[in-house]
Amino acid sequence: MIIVMKKNATEAELEAVKDAIIRLGYKPHAIQGVERTVIGAVGHEDKTPLQILEQTEGVEAVIPILKPWKLVSRDIKPERSVVDVDGVIIGGKEITIIAGPCSVESEEQIIETAQAVRAAGAKILRGGAYKPRTSPYAFQGLEITGLKLLAQARSLTGLKIVTEIVSVSEIDLICEYSDMIQIGARNCQNYALLKRVGQTRLPVLLKRGMATTVKEFLMSAEYIMSQGNYQVVLCERGIRTFEDSTRFTLDLNCVPVLNELTHLPVIVDPSHGTGNWRYVTPMGRAAIAAGADGLTVEVHPNPREAFSDGPQSLKPEKFTEFMSEVRKIALAMGRDLAIPKI
């Protein structure tokens, strides 16, 4: 159910309604809209007892939510949400670019990459300190050393940091060093991890699983938000199909679908979605044309020597060209992408 508060509802009336929801056996989630506050009441399938709240002071209406995802739905918040990553906004008029290597490999590598992507106009630095790899013999990341190197790069460049969490045991370290937590494709339906991340208040970048439907993807976001963390960004990164000419099939269909179904910001990862650096720029342009709020791109100073995902990584000079190309589409779509003047 959605409990819609009146425009002039007081804080005391809001708290009284939340207390009543709890007494009835549900969990309240207050969502602040442009004009008024709405409260999502989630818990039991039978929402009949909540109808009594229509007679409560400050309440305008009690409306059922028919979709299985409640807090994620546009029913609870018709206007688009923005996510604030320590001052960097995702979901506003400006397209937000996240860039960096697949994994943190050394101080020289991450600092050089951070400086290059910052100079080109990226706002958030990506880099894996913990890496979930298909092979147990592949590079698994520098772990705490990698987190410290990311923090060093942030200190030198001012970029915010997003890095992937692989297990619940890393949560405290990730929260200490990062500005945003990434849930990778392989953990998109790791519900224990989703709930634990939802108990933090750091923004979350949730990547779609390689075999996850849009509905399942939204339910994964619901797991995070049900724990009280509403700072969620959805990321399309390609799904597994019969097609093998690219690493994955970048499902840009899902961008307008998600924009219709949810108020959460949506970004796209053309690096993982294609697996080939040659296709990153055209698919990045297409993603913005489809309505994406941002892009996350892999950049490496020497892709041939990368410990992971070298074939899909842009060199710094190619990333600069990428930014210029993407900005053209952003402007055509009535948005913007601030890049330094060369």
C-alpha atoms as a PDB file:
ATOM      1  CA  MET A   1       0.000   0.000   0.000  1.00  0.00           C
ATOM      2  CA  ILE A   2       0.960   3.628  -0.506  1.00  0.00           C
ATOM      3  CA  ILE A   3      -0.167   6.112   2.109  1.00  0.00           C
ATOM      4  CA  VAL A   4      -0.220   9.532   0.452  1.00  0.00           C
ATOM      5  CA  MET A   5       0.170  12.377   2.923  1.00  0.00           C
ATOM      6  CA  LYS A   6      -1.487  15.751   2.426  1.00  0.00           C
ATOM      7  CA  LYS A   7       0.655  18.646   1.201  1.00  0.00           C
ATOM      8  CA  ASN A   8       0.351  20.413   4.543  1.00  0.00           C
ATOM      9  CA  ALA A   9       0.875  17.281   6.686  1.00  0.00           C
ATOM     10  CA  THR A  10       3.035  17.969   9.739  1.00  0.00           C
ATOM     11  CA  GLU A  11       6.025  15.962  10.902  1.00  0.00           C
ATOM     12  CA  ALA A  12       3.999  14.818  13.912  1.00  0.00           C
ATOM     13  CA  GLU A  13       1.224  13.514  11.636  1.00  0.00           C
ATOM     14  CA  LEU A  14       3.806  11.713   9.495  1.00  0.00           C
ATOM     15  CA  GLU A  15       5.311  10.011  12.555  1.00  0.00           C
ATOM     16  CA  ALA A  16       1.857   9.069  13.838  1.00  0.00           C
ATOM     17  CA  VAL A  17       1.038   7.333  10.544  1.00  0.00           C
ATOM     18  CA  LYS A  18       4.366   5.475  10.577  1.00  0.00           C
ATOM     19  CA  ASP A  19       3.684   4.308  14.137  1.00  0.00           C
ATOM     20  CA  ALA A  20       0.224   3.110  13.105  1.00  0.00           C
ATOM     21  CA  ILE A  21       1.699   1.156  10.185  1.00  0.00           C
ATOM     22  CA  ILE A  22       4.089  -0.590  12.554  1.00  0.00           C
ATOM     23  CA  ARG A  23       1.283  -1.428  14.985  1.00  0.00           C
ATOM     24  CA  LEU A  24      -0.635  -3.034  12.130  1.00  0.00           C
ATOM     25  CA  GLY A  25       2.328  -5.300  11.420  1.00  0.00           C
ATOM     26  CA  TYR A  26       3.906  -3.579   8.428  1.00  0.00           C
ATOM     27  CA  LYS A  27       7.160  -1.730   7.788  1.00  0.00           C
ATOM     28  CA  PRO A  28       6.926   1.959   6.775  1.00  0.00           C
ATOM     29  CA  HIS A  29       9.196   3.516   4.142  1.00  0.00           C
ATOM     30  CA  ALA A  30       8.804   7.278   3.822  1.00  0.00           C
ATOM     31  CA  ILE A  31       9.648   8.621   0.351  1.00  0.00           C
ATOM     32  CA  GLN A  32       9.918  12.392  -0.031  1.00  0.00           C
ATOM     33  CA  GLY A  33       8.468  13.623  -3.310  1.00  0.00           C
ATOM     34  CA  VAL A  34       8.533  17.072  -4.888  1.00  0.00           C
ATOM     35  CA  GLU A  35       5.165  18.141  -3.456  1.00  0.00           C
ATOM     36  CA  ARG A  36       4.381  15.648  -0.706  1.00  0.00           C
ATOM     37  CA  THR A  37       5.578  12.639   1.236  1.00  0.00           C
ATOM     38  CA  VAL A  38       4.291   9.141   0.572  1.00  0.00           C
ATOM     39  CA  ILE A  39       4.785   6.153   2.840  1.00  0.00           C
ATOM     40  CA  GLY A  40       5.178   2.682   1.437  1.00  0.00           C
ATOM     41  CA  ALA A  41       3.799   0.035   3.795  1.00  0.00           C
ATOM     42  CA  VAL A  42       5.290  -3.375   3.030  1.00  0.00           C
ATOM     43  CA  GLY A  43       5.148  -6.698   4.777  1.00  0.00           C
ATOM     44  CA  HIS A  44       2.077  -8.935   4.520  1.00  0.00           C
ATOM     45  CA  GLU A  45       0.187  -9.875   1.377  1.00  0.00           C
ATOM     46  CA  ASP A  46      -3.131  -8.879   2.947  1.00  0.00           C
ATOM     47  CA  LYS A  47      -3.138  -5.063   3.090  1.00  0.00           C
ATOM     48  CA  THR A  48      -6.805  -4.710   4.110  1.00  0.00           C
ATOM     49  CA  PRO A  49      -6.070  -3.429   7.677  1.00  0.00           C
ATOM     50  CA  LEU A  50      -4.206  -0.444   6.211  1.00  0.00           C
ATOM     51  CA  GLN A  51      -7.388   1.024   4.731  1.00  0.00           C
ATOM     52  CA  ILE A  52      -8.259   2.327   8.198  1.00  0.00           C
ATOM     53  CA  LEU A  53      -5.423   4.842   7.820  1.00  0.00           C
ATOM     54  CA  GLU A  54      -7.554   6.875   5.394  1.00  0.00           C
ATOM     55  CA  GLN A  55      -9.241   8.312   8.471  1.00  0.00           C
ATOM     56  CA  THR A  56      -5.955   9.379  10.077  1.00  0.00           C
ATOM     57  CA  GLU A  57      -4.981  13.057  10.361  1.00  0.00           C
ATOM     58  CA  GLY A  58      -2.685  14.193   7.552  1.00  0.00           C
ATOM     59  CA  VAL A  59      -3.522  11.281   5.208  1.00  0.00           C
ATOM     60  CA  GLU A  60      -4.936  12.076   1.780  1.00  0.00           C
ATOM     61  CA  ALA A  61      -5.328   8.558   0.356  1.00  0.00           C
ATOM     62  CA  VAL A  62      -4.376   4.899   0.778  1.00  0.00           C
ATOM     63  CA  ILE A  63      -3.608   3.284  -2.577  1.00  0.00           C
ATOM     64  CA  PRO A  64      -2.698  -0.365  -3.324  1.00  0.00           C
ATOM     65  CA  ILE A  65       0.472  -1.160  -5.278  1.00  0.00           C
ATOM     66  CA  LEU A  66      -0.218  -4.020  -7.655  1.00  0.00           C
ATOM     67  CA  LYS A  67       3.359  -4.655  -8.810  1.00  0.00           C
ATOM     68  CA  PRO A  68       5.546  -7.055  -6.785  1.00  0.00           C
ATOM     69  CA  TRP A  69       8.212  -4.363  -6.467  1.00  0.00           C
ATOM     70  CA  LYS A  70       6.837  -1.659  -4.205  1.00  0.00           C
ATOM     71  CA  LEU A  71       9.533   0.837  -3.219  1.00  0.00           C
ATOM     72  CA  VAL A  72      11.160   0.671  -6.660  1.00  0.00           C
ATOM     73  CA  SER A  73       7.912   1.408  -8.488  1.00  0.00           C
ATOM     74  CA  ARG A  74       6.844   4.711 -10.012  1.00  0.00           C
ATOM     75  CA  ASP A  75       3.547   4.151  -8.193  1.00  0.00           C
ATOM     76  CA  ILE A  76       5.227   5.235  -4.984  1.00  0.00           C
ATOM     77  CA  LYS A  77       7.255   8.030  -6.598  1.00  0.00           C
ATOM     78  CA  PRO A  78       6.149   9.245 -10.045  1.00  0.00           C
ATOM     79  CA  GLU A  79       9.073  11.641 -10.475  1.00  0.00           C
ATOM     80  CA  ARG A  80      12.589  10.384 -11.160  1.00  0.00           C
ATOM     81  CA  SER A  81      14.975   9.920  -8.245  1.00  0.00           C
ATOM     82  CA  VAL A  82      18.520  11.199  -8.126  1.00  0.00           C
ATOM     83  CA  VAL A  83      21.323   9.491  -6.250  1.00  0.00           C
ATOM     84  CA  ASP A  84      23.969  11.602  -4.525  1.00  0.00           C
ATOM     85  CA  VAL A  85      27.434  10.018  -4.443  1.00  0.00           C
ATOM     86  CA  ASP A  86      29.085  12.438  -2.022  1.00  0.00           C
ATOM     87  CA  GLY A  87      28.260  15.412  -4.214  1.00  0.00           C
ATOM     88  CA  VAL A  88      28.177  13.686  -7.605  1.00  0.00           C
ATOM     89  CA  ILE A  89      24.596  13.389  -8.827  1.00  0.00           C
ATOM     90  CA  ILE A  90      23.353  10.439 -10.879  1.00  0.00           C
ATOM     91  CA  GLY A  91      19.941  10.903 -12.467  1.00  0.00           C
ATOM     92  CA  GLY A  92      19.948  14.660 -12.976  1.00  0.00           C
ATOM     93  CA  LYS A  93      20.143  16.573 -16.238  1.00  0.00           C
ATOM     94  CA  GLU A  94      23.858  15.938 -16.584  1.00  0.00           C
ATOM     95  CA  ILE A  95      25.043  12.529 -17.775  1.00  0.00           C
ATOM     96  CA  THR A  96      27.379  10.955 -15.198  1.00  0.00           C
ATOM     97  CA  ILE A  97      30.432   9.019 -16.352  1.00  0.00           C
ATOM     98  CA  ILE A  98      32.120   6.358 -14.222  1.00  0.00           C
ATOM     99  CA  ALA A  99      35.481   5.192 -15.555  1.00  0.00           C
ATOM    100  CA  GLY A 100      38.534   3.204 -14.545  1.00  0.00           C
ATOM    101  CA  PRO A 101      40.133  -0.214 -14.815  1.00  0.00           C
ATOM    102  CA  CYS A 102      38.428  -3.534 -14.231  1.00  0.00           C
ATOM    103  CA  SER A 103      40.789  -4.179 -11.328  1.00  0.00           C
ATOM    104  CA  VAL A 104      43.308  -2.222  -9.294  1.00  0.00           C
ATOM    105  CA  GLU A 105      46.721  -3.646 -10.182  1.00  0.00           C
ATOM    106  CA  SER A 106      49.321  -1.217  -8.849  1.00  0.00           C
ATOM    107  CA  GLU A 107      49.753   2.308  -7.539  1.00  0.00           C
ATOM    108  CA  GLU A 108      51.144   3.516 -10.871  1.00  0.00           C
ATOM    109  CA  GLN A 109      48.306   1.966 -12.856  1.00  0.00           C
ATOM    110  CA  ILE A 110      45.409   3.301 -10.769  1.00  0.00           C
ATOM    111  CA  ILE A 111      46.884   6.791 -10.311  1.00  0.00           C
ATOM    112  CA  GLU A 112      47.656   7.166 -14.014  1.00  0.00           C
ATOM    113  CA  THR A 113      44.167   5.981 -14.949  1.00  0.00           C
ATOM    114  CA  ALA A 114      42.454   8.189 -12.376  1.00  0.00           C
ATOM    115  CA  GLN A 115      44.272  11.289 -13.594  1.00  0.00           C
ATOM    116  CA  ALA A 116      43.450  10.484 -17.210  1.00  0.00           C
ATOM    117  CA  VAL A 117      39.734   9.883 -16.722  1.00  0.00           C
ATOM    118  CA  ARG A 118      39.454  12.933 -14.451  1.00  0.00           C
ATOM    119  CA  ALA A 119      41.068  15.090 -17.140  1.00  0.00           C
ATOM    120  CA  ALA A 120      38.574  13.764 -19.689  1.00  0.00           C
ATOM    121  CA  GLY A 121      35.563  14.580 -17.495  1.00  0.00           C
ATOM    122  CA  ALA A 122      34.679  11.438 -15.526  1.00  0.00           C
ATOM    123  CA  LYS A 123      33.263  12.074 -12.059  1.00  0.00           C
ATOM    124  CA  ILE A 124      33.570   8.637 -10.412  1.00  0.00           C
ATOM    125  CA  LEU A 125      36.513   6.220 -10.484  1.00  0.00           C
ATOM    126  CA  ARG A 126      35.751   2.523 -10.794  1.00  0.00           C
ATOM    127  CA  GLY A 127      38.204  -0.224  -9.903  1.00  0.00           C
ATOM    128  CA  GLY A 128      37.933  -3.669  -8.383  1.00  0.00           C
ATOM    129  CA  ALA A 129      39.811  -4.471  -5.202  1.00  0.00           C
ATOM    130  CA  TYR A 130      37.892  -7.739  -4.800  1.00  0.00           C
ATOM    131  CA  LYS A 131      37.210  -9.608  -8.030  1.00  0.00           C
ATOM    132  CA  PRO A 132      34.730 -12.468  -8.537  1.00  0.00           C
ATOM    133  CA  ARG A 133      36.334 -14.472 -11.341  1.00  0.00           C
ATOM    134  CA  THR A 134      35.064 -17.491 -13.247  1.00  0.00           C
ATOM    135  CA  SER A 135      38.382 -19.278 -12.769  1.00  0.00           C
ATOM    136  CA  PRO A 136      39.756 -19.771  -9.244  1.00  0.00           C
ATOM    137  CA  TYR A 137      43.235 -19.319 -10.739  1.00  0.00           C
ATOM    138  CA  ALA A 138      42.549 -15.882 -12.225  1.00  0.00           C
ATOM    139  CA  PHE A 139      43.575 -12.635 -10.514  1.00  0.00           C
ATOM    140  CA  GLN A 140      41.249 -12.118  -7.534  1.00  0.00           C
ATOM    141  CA  GLY A 141      42.217  -8.526  -6.702  1.00  0.00           C
ATOM    142  CA  LEU A 142      44.550  -6.759  -4.287  1.00  0.00           C
ATOM    143  CA  GLU A 143      41.831  -6.619  -1.602  1.00  0.00           C
ATOM    144  CA  ILE A 144      42.650  -4.151   1.224  1.00  0.00           C
ATOM    145  CA  THR A 145      45.737  -2.913  -0.639  1.00  0.00           C
ATOM    146  CA  GLY A 146      43.527  -2.157  -3.630  1.00  0.00           C
ATOM    147  CA  LEU A 147      41.084  -0.202  -1.465  1.00  0.00           C
ATOM    148  CA  LYS A 148      43.917   1.886  -0.073  1.00  0.00           C
ATOM    149  CA  LEU A 149      45.190   2.625  -3.580  1.00  0.00           C
ATOM    150  CA  LEU A 150      41.697   3.718  -4.640  1.00  0.00           C
ATOM    151  CA  ALA A 151      41.543   6.048  -1.645  1.00  0.00           C
ATOM    152  CA  GLN A 152      44.926   7.444  -2.631  1.00  0.00           C
ATOM    153  CA  ALA A 153      43.682   8.077  -6.171  1.00  0.00           C
ATOM    154  CA  ARG A 154      40.619   9.849  -4.756  1.00  0.00           C
ATOM    155  CA  SER A 155      42.827  12.063  -2.611  1.00  0.00           C
ATOM    156  CA  LEU A 156      44.952  13.052  -5.613  1.00  0.00           C
ATOM    157  CA  THR A 157      42.147  13.632  -8.134  1.00  0.00           C
ATOM    158  CA  GLY A 158      38.961  14.387  -6.198  1.00  0.00           C
ATOM    159  CA  LEU A 159      37.129  11.577  -7.991  1.00  0.00           C
ATOM    160  CA  LYS A 160      34.592   9.577  -6.007  1.00  0.00           C
ATOM    161  CA  ILE A 161      35.103   5.815  -5.751  1.00  0.00           C
ATOM    162  CA  VAL A 162      32.870   2.883  -6.628  1.00  0.00           C
ATOM    163  CA  THR A 163      34.155  -0.632  -6.039  1.00  0.00           C
ATOM    164  CA  GLU A 164      32.613  -4.076  -6.023  1.00  0.00           C
ATOM    165  CA  ILE A 165      31.685  -6.074  -2.959  1.00  0.00           C
ATOM    166  CA  VAL A 166      31.915  -9.846  -3.310  1.00  0.00           C
ATOM    167  CA  SER A 167      30.844 -11.107   0.105  1.00  0.00           C
ATOM    168  CA  VAL A 168      29.193  -9.878   3.303  1.00  0.00           C
ATOM    169  CA  SER A 169      32.511 -10.212   5.152  1.00  0.00           C
ATOM    170  CA  GLU A 170      33.957  -7.238   3.203  1.00  0.00           C
ATOM    171  CA  ILE A 171      31.162  -4.794   3.995  1.00  0.00           C
ATOM    172  CA  ASP A 172      32.915  -2.812   6.728  1.00  0.00           C
ATOM    173  CA  LEU A 173      36.112  -2.328   4.691  1.00  0.00           C
ATOM    174  CA  ILE A 174      34.210  -1.340   1.562  1.00  0.00           C
ATOM    175  CA  CYS A 175      32.162   1.206   3.511  1.00  0.00           C
ATOM    176  CA  GLU A 176      35.323   2.631   5.092  1.00  0.00           C
ATOM    177  CA  TYR A 177      37.106   3.283   1.794  1.00  0.00           C
ATOM    178  CA  SER A 178      34.411   3.646  -0.879  1.00  0.00           C
ATOM    179  CA  ASP A 179      31.829   6.293  -1.798  1.00  0.00           C
ATOM    180  CA  MET A 180      29.583   3.816  -3.589  1.00  0.00           C
ATOM    181  CA  ILE A 181      29.153   0.044  -3.417  1.00  0.00           C
ATOM    182  CA  GLN A 182      28.886  -2.018  -6.580  1.00  0.00           C
ATOM    183  CA  ILE A 183      26.902  -5.245  -6.674  1.00  0.00           C
ATOM    184  CA  GLY A 184      28.241  -7.182  -9.656  1.00  0.00           C
ATOM    185  CA  ALA A 185      26.258  -9.255 -12.133  1.00  0.00           C
ATOM    186  CA  ARG A 186      27.118 -12.528 -10.406  1.00  0.00           C
ATOM    187  CA  ASN A 187      25.695 -11.248  -7.117  1.00  0.00           C
ATOM    188  CA  CYS A 188      22.566  -9.592  -8.519  1.00  0.00           C
ATOM    189  CA  GLN A 189      20.437 -12.253  -6.829  1.00  0.00           C
ATOM    190  CA  ASN A 190      22.622 -12.859  -3.782  1.00  0.00           C
ATOM    191  CA  TYR A 191      19.806 -11.879  -1.436  1.00  0.00           C
ATOM    192  CA  ALA A 192      21.824 -12.069   1.777  1.00  0.00           C
ATOM    193  CA  LEU A 193      24.350  -9.631   0.304  1.00  0.00           C
ATOM    194  CA  LEU A 194      21.621  -7.358  -1.069  1.00  0.00           C
ATOM    195  CA  LYS A 195      19.945  -7.119   2.329  1.00  0.00           C
ATOM    196  CA  ARG A 196      23.243  -6.413   4.097  1.00  0.00           C
ATOM    197  CA  VAL A 197      24.155  -3.668   1.627  1.00  0.00           C
ATOM    198  CA  GLY A 198      20.655  -2.277   2.110  1.00  0.00           C
ATOM    199  CA  GLN A 199      21.446  -1.807   5.784  1.00  0.00           C
ATOM    200  CA  THR A 200      24.260   0.607   4.889  1.00  0.00           C
ATOM    201  CA  ARG A 201      23.565   4.133   3.721  1.00  0.00           C
ATOM    202  CA  LEU A 202      26.165   4.251   0.949  1.00  0.00           C
ATOM    203  CA  PRO A 203      24.800   4.583  -2.591  1.00  0.00           C
ATOM    204  CA  VAL A 204      24.597   1.250  -4.418  1.00  0.00           C
ATOM    205  CA  LEU A 205      25.349   0.497  -8.062  1.00  0.00           C
ATOM    206  CA  LEU A 206      23.366  -2.653  -8.842  1.00  0.00           C
ATOM    207  CA  LYS A 207      24.372  -4.481 -12.011  1.00  0.00           C
ATOM    208  CA  ARG A 208      21.899  -6.672 -13.839  1.00  0.00           C
ATOM    209  CA  GLY A 209      22.705 -10.365 -13.814  1.00  0.00           C
ATOM    210  CA  MET A 210      23.667 -11.967 -17.114  1.00  0.00           C
ATOM    211  CA  ALA A 211      20.511 -14.119 -17.020  1.00  0.00           C
ATOM    212  CA  THR A 212      18.256 -11.815 -14.994  1.00  0.00           C
ATOM    213  CA  THR A 213      14.924 -10.577 -16.342  1.00  0.00           C
ATOM    214  CA  VAL A 214      13.893  -6.961 -15.855  1.00  0.00           C
ATOM    215  CA  LYS A 215      11.351  -8.047 -13.233  1.00  0.00           C
ATOM    216  CA  GLU A 216      13.981 -10.038 -11.324  1.00  0.00           C
ATOM    217  CA  PHE A 217      16.352  -7.072 -11.591  1.00  0.00           C
ATOM    218  CA  LEU A 218      13.764  -4.762 -10.031  1.00  0.00           C
ATOM    219  CA  MET A 219      13.104  -7.252  -7.247  1.00  0.00           C
ATOM    220  CA  SER A 220      16.832  -7.272  -6.472  1.00  0.00           C
ATOM    221  CA  ALA A 221      16.676  -3.490  -6.103  1.00  0.00           C
ATOM    222  CA  GLU A 222      13.619  -3.971  -3.885  1.00  0.00           C
ATOM    223  CA  TYR A 223      15.691  -6.163  -1.555  1.00  0.00           C
ATOM    224  CA  ILE A 224      18.138  -3.288  -1.026  1.00  0.00           C
ATOM    225  CA  MET A 225      15.470  -0.633  -0.584  1.00  0.00           C
ATOM    226  CA  SER A 226      13.405  -2.793   1.757  1.00  0.00           C
ATOM    227  CA  GLN A 227      16.248  -2.439   4.270  1.00  0.00           C
ATOM    228  CA  GLY A 228      16.043   1.358   4.190  1.00  0.00           C
ATOM    229  CA  ASN A 229      18.713   2.246   1.618  1.00  0.00           C
ATOM    230  CA  TYR A 230      16.973   4.174  -1.173  1.00  0.00           C
ATOM    231  CA  GLN A 231      20.179   5.294  -2.915  1.00  0.00           C
ATOM    232  CA  VAL A 232      20.171   2.702  -5.702  1.00  0.00           C
ATOM    233  CA  VAL A 233      21.378   3.039  -9.300  1.00  0.00           C
ATOM    234  CA  LEU A 234      20.499   0.308 -11.818  1.00  0.00           C
ATOM    235  CA  CYS A 235      23.113  -0.756 -14.380  1.00  0.00           C
ATOM    236  CA  GLU A 236      22.490  -2.690 -17.593  1.00  0.00           C
ATOM    237  CA  ARG A 237      25.700  -4.558 -18.491  1.00  0.00           C
ATOM    238  CA  GLY A 238      24.638  -7.117 -21.086  1.00  0.00           C
ATOM    239  CA  ILE A 239      22.810 -10.421 -20.913  1.00  0.00           C
ATOM    240  CA  ARG A 240      23.771 -13.876 -22.151  1.00  0.00           C
ATOM    241  CA  THR A 241      22.021 -14.906 -25.388  1.00  0.00           C
ATOM    242  CA  PHE A 242      22.747 -17.281 -28.266  1.00  0.00           C
ATOM    243  CA  GLU A 243      24.753 -14.535 -30.016  1.00  0.00           C
ATOM    244  CA  ASP A 244      28.529 -15.008 -29.712  1.00  0.00           C
ATOM    245  CA  SER A 245      29.916 -12.219 -31.878  1.00  0.00           C
ATOM    246  CA  THR A 246      30.191 -10.105 -28.722  1.00  0.00           C
ATOM    247  CA  ARG A 247      30.888 -11.085 -25.130  1.00  0.00           C
ATOM    248  CA  PHE A 248      27.285 -10.380 -24.108  1.00  0.00           C
ATOM    249  CA  THR A 249      24.209  -8.855 -25.732  1.00  0.00           C
ATOM    250  CA  LEU A 250      23.808  -5.291 -24.481  1.00  0.00           C
ATOM    251  CA  ASP A 251      20.074  -5.065 -23.839  1.00  0.00           C
ATOM    252  CA  LEU A 252      19.336  -1.406 -24.491  1.00  0.00           C
ATOM    253  CA  ASN A 253      15.642  -2.324 -24.703  1.00  0.00           C
ATOM    254  CA  CYS A 254      15.655  -2.427 -20.926  1.00  0.00           C
ATOM    255  CA  VAL A 255      16.617   1.249 -20.555  1.00  0.00           C
ATOM    256  CA  PRO A 256      13.238   2.732 -21.620  1.00  0.00           C
ATOM    257  CA  VAL A 257      11.459  -0.200 -19.935  1.00  0.00           C
ATOM    258  CA  LEU A 258      13.176   0.531 -16.629  1.00  0.00           C
ATOM    259  CA  ASN A 259      12.562   4.254 -17.018  1.00  0.00           C
ATOM    260  CA  GLU A 260       8.864   3.488 -17.340  1.00  0.00           C
ATOM    261  CA  LEU A 261       8.672   1.040 -14.431  1.00  0.00           C
ATOM    262  CA  THR A 262      10.930   2.628 -11.825  1.00  0.00           C
ATOM    263  CA  HIS A 263      11.952   6.021 -10.509  1.00  0.00           C
ATOM    264  CA  LEU A 264      15.562   4.862  -9.975  1.00  0.00           C
ATOM    265  CA  PRO A 265      18.415   6.160 -12.182  1.00  0.00           C
ATOM    266  CA  VAL A 266      19.576   3.817 -14.936  1.00  0.00           C
ATOM    267  CA  ILE A 267      23.107   3.647 -16.344  1.00  0.00           C
ATOM    268  CA  VAL A 268      24.743   1.346 -18.913  1.00  0.00           C
ATOM    269  CA  ASP A 269      28.057  -0.524 -19.091  1.00  0.00           C
ATOM    270  CA  PRO A 270      29.046  -0.820 -22.777  1.00  0.00           C
ATOM    271  CA  SER A 271      32.419  -2.342 -21.855  1.00  0.00           C
ATOM    272  CA  HIS A 272      31.060  -5.553 -20.341  1.00  0.00           C
ATOM    273  CA  GLY A 273      28.071  -5.432 -22.663  1.00  0.00           C
ATOM    274  CA  THR A 274      30.243  -5.840 -25.762  1.00  0.00           C
ATOM    275  CA  GLY A 275      33.597  -7.164 -24.522  1.00  0.00           C
ATOM    276  CA  ASN A 276      35.391  -5.270 -27.281  1.00  0.00           C
ATOM    277  CA  TRP A 277      36.807  -1.736 -27.021  1.00  0.00           C
ATOM    278  CA  ARG A 278      35.854  -1.018 -30.654  1.00  0.00           C
ATOM    279  CA  TYR A 279      32.146  -1.174 -29.798  1.00  0.00           C
ATOM    280  CA  VAL A 280      32.230   0.762 -26.531  1.00  0.00           C
ATOM    281  CA  THR A 281      31.827   4.229 -28.051  1.00  0.00           C
ATOM    282  CA  PRO A 282      28.952   3.419 -30.444  1.00  0.00           C
ATOM    283  CA  MET A 283      27.063   1.532 -27.744  1.00  0.00           C
ATOM    284  CA  GLY A 284      27.746   4.318 -25.252  1.00  0.00           C
ATOM    285  CA  ARG A 285      26.177   6.775 -27.691  1.00  0.00           C
ATOM    286  CA  ALA A 286      23.219   4.451 -28.199  1.00  0.00           C
ATOM    287  CA  ALA A 287      22.704   4.063 -24.449  1.00  0.00           C
ATOM    288  CA  ILE A 288      22.398   7.808 -23.936  1.00  0.00           C
ATOM    289  CA  ALA A 289      20.007   8.041 -26.890  1.00  0.00           C
ATOM    290  CA  ALA A 290      17.904   5.310 -25.248  1.00  0.00           C
ATOM    291  CA  GLY A 291      17.585   7.396 -22.074  1.00  0.00           C
ATOM    292  CA  ALA A 292      20.411   6.253 -19.803  1.00  0.00           C
ATOM    293  CA  ASP A 293      21.463   8.605 -16.994  1.00  0.00           C
ATOM    294  CA  GLY A 294      25.122   7.663 -17.233  1.00  0.00           C
ATOM    295  CA  LEU A 295      27.757   5.194 -18.356  1.00  0.00           C
ATOM    296  CA  THR A 296      30.398   3.095 -16.662  1.00  0.00           C
ATOM    297  CA  VAL A 297      33.410   2.407 -18.855  1.00  0.00           C
ATOM    298  CA  GLU A 298      36.612   0.445 -18.420  1.00  0.00           C
ATOM    299  CA  VAL A 299      39.807   2.420 -19.049  1.00  0.00           C
ATOM    300  CA  HIS A 300      43.361   1.119 -18.729  1.00  0.00           C
ATOM    301  CA  PRO A 301      46.698   2.791 -19.634  1.00  0.00           C
ATOM    302  CA  ASN A 302      47.973  -0.444 -21.218  1.00  0.00           C
ATOM    303  CA  PRO A 303      45.101  -2.863 -21.975  1.00  0.00           C
ATOM    304  CA  ARG A 304      47.400  -5.532 -23.385  1.00  0.00           C
ATOM    305  CA  GLU A 305      48.988  -5.927 -19.961  1.00  0.00           C
ATOM    306  CA  ALA A 306      45.745  -5.675 -17.959  1.00  0.00           C
ATOM    307  CA  PHE A 307      45.223  -8.392 -15.344  1.00  0.00           C
ATOM    308  CA  SER A 308      41.568  -8.639 -16.402  1.00  0.00           C
ATOM    309  CA  ASP A 309      39.258  -7.441 -19.202  1.00  0.00           C
ATOM    310  CA  GLY A 310      41.970  -5.858 -21.332  1.00  0.00           C
ATOM    311  CA  PRO A 311      40.166  -6.430 -24.673  1.00  0.00           C
ATOM    312  CA  GLN A 312      37.214  -4.271 -23.624  1.00  0.00           C
ATOM    313  CA  SER A 313      39.217  -1.445 -22.016  1.00  0.00           C
ATOM    314  CA  LEU A 314      39.737   1.914 -23.674  1.00  0.00           C
ATOM    315  CA  LYS A 315      43.141   3.573 -23.639  1.00  0.00           C
ATOM    316  CA  PRO A 316      43.068   7.070 -22.078  1.00  0.00           C
ATOM    317  CA  GLU A 317      43.241   8.817 -25.443  1.00  0.00           C
ATOM    318  CA  LYS A 318      40.350   6.717 -26.750  1.00  0.00           C
ATOM    319  CA  PHE A 319      38.385   7.552 -23.620  1.00  0.00           C
ATOM    320  CA  THR A 320      38.833  11.250 -24.328  1.00  0.00           C
ATOM    321  CA  GLU A 321      37.381  10.689 -27.801  1.00  0.00           C
ATOM    322  CA  PHE A 322      34.581   8.631 -26.249  1.00  0.00           C
ATOM    323  CA  MET A 323      33.619  11.525 -23.972  1.00  0.00           C
ATOM    324  CA  SER A 324      33.431  13.924 -26.904  1.00  0.00           C
ATOM    325  CA  GLU A 325      31.225  11.544 -28.903  1.00  0.00           C
ATOM    326  CA  VAL A 326      28.876  10.801 -26.020  1.00  0.00           C
ATOM    327  CA  ARG A 327      28.450  14.502 -25.247  1.00  0.00           C
ATOM    328  CA  LYS A 328      27.057  15.082 -28.752  1.00  0.00           C
ATOM    329  CA  ILE A 329      24.249  12.633 -28.060  1.00  0.00           C
ATOM    330  CA  ALA A 330      23.669  14.009 -24.567  1.00  0.00           C
ATOM    331  CA  LEU A 331      23.145  17.508 -25.972  1.00  0.00           C
ATOM    332  CA  ALA A 332      20.825  16.173 -28.664  1.00  0.00           C
ATOM    333  CA  MET A 333      18.750  14.513 -25.931  1.00  0.00           C
ATOM    334  CA  GLY A 334      18.404  17.773 -23.994  1.00  0.00           C
ATOM    335  CA  ARG A 335      20.975  16.719 -21.399  1.00  0.00           C
ATOM    336  CA  ASP A 336      24.597  17.637 -20.842  1.00  0.00           C
ATOM    337  CA  LEU A 337      27.973  16.085 -20.228  1.00  0.00           C
ATOM    338  CA  ALA A 338      30.517  18.475 -18.783  1.00  0.00           C
ATOM    339  CA  ILE A 339      33.962  17.839 -20.217  1.00  0.00           C
ATOM    340  CA  PRO A 340      37.064  20.006 -19.785  1.00  0.00           C
ATOM    341  CA  LYS A 341      37.972  22.226 -22.712  1.00  0.00           C
ATOM    342  CA  ILE A 342      41.082  21.023 -24.498  1.00  0.00           C
END
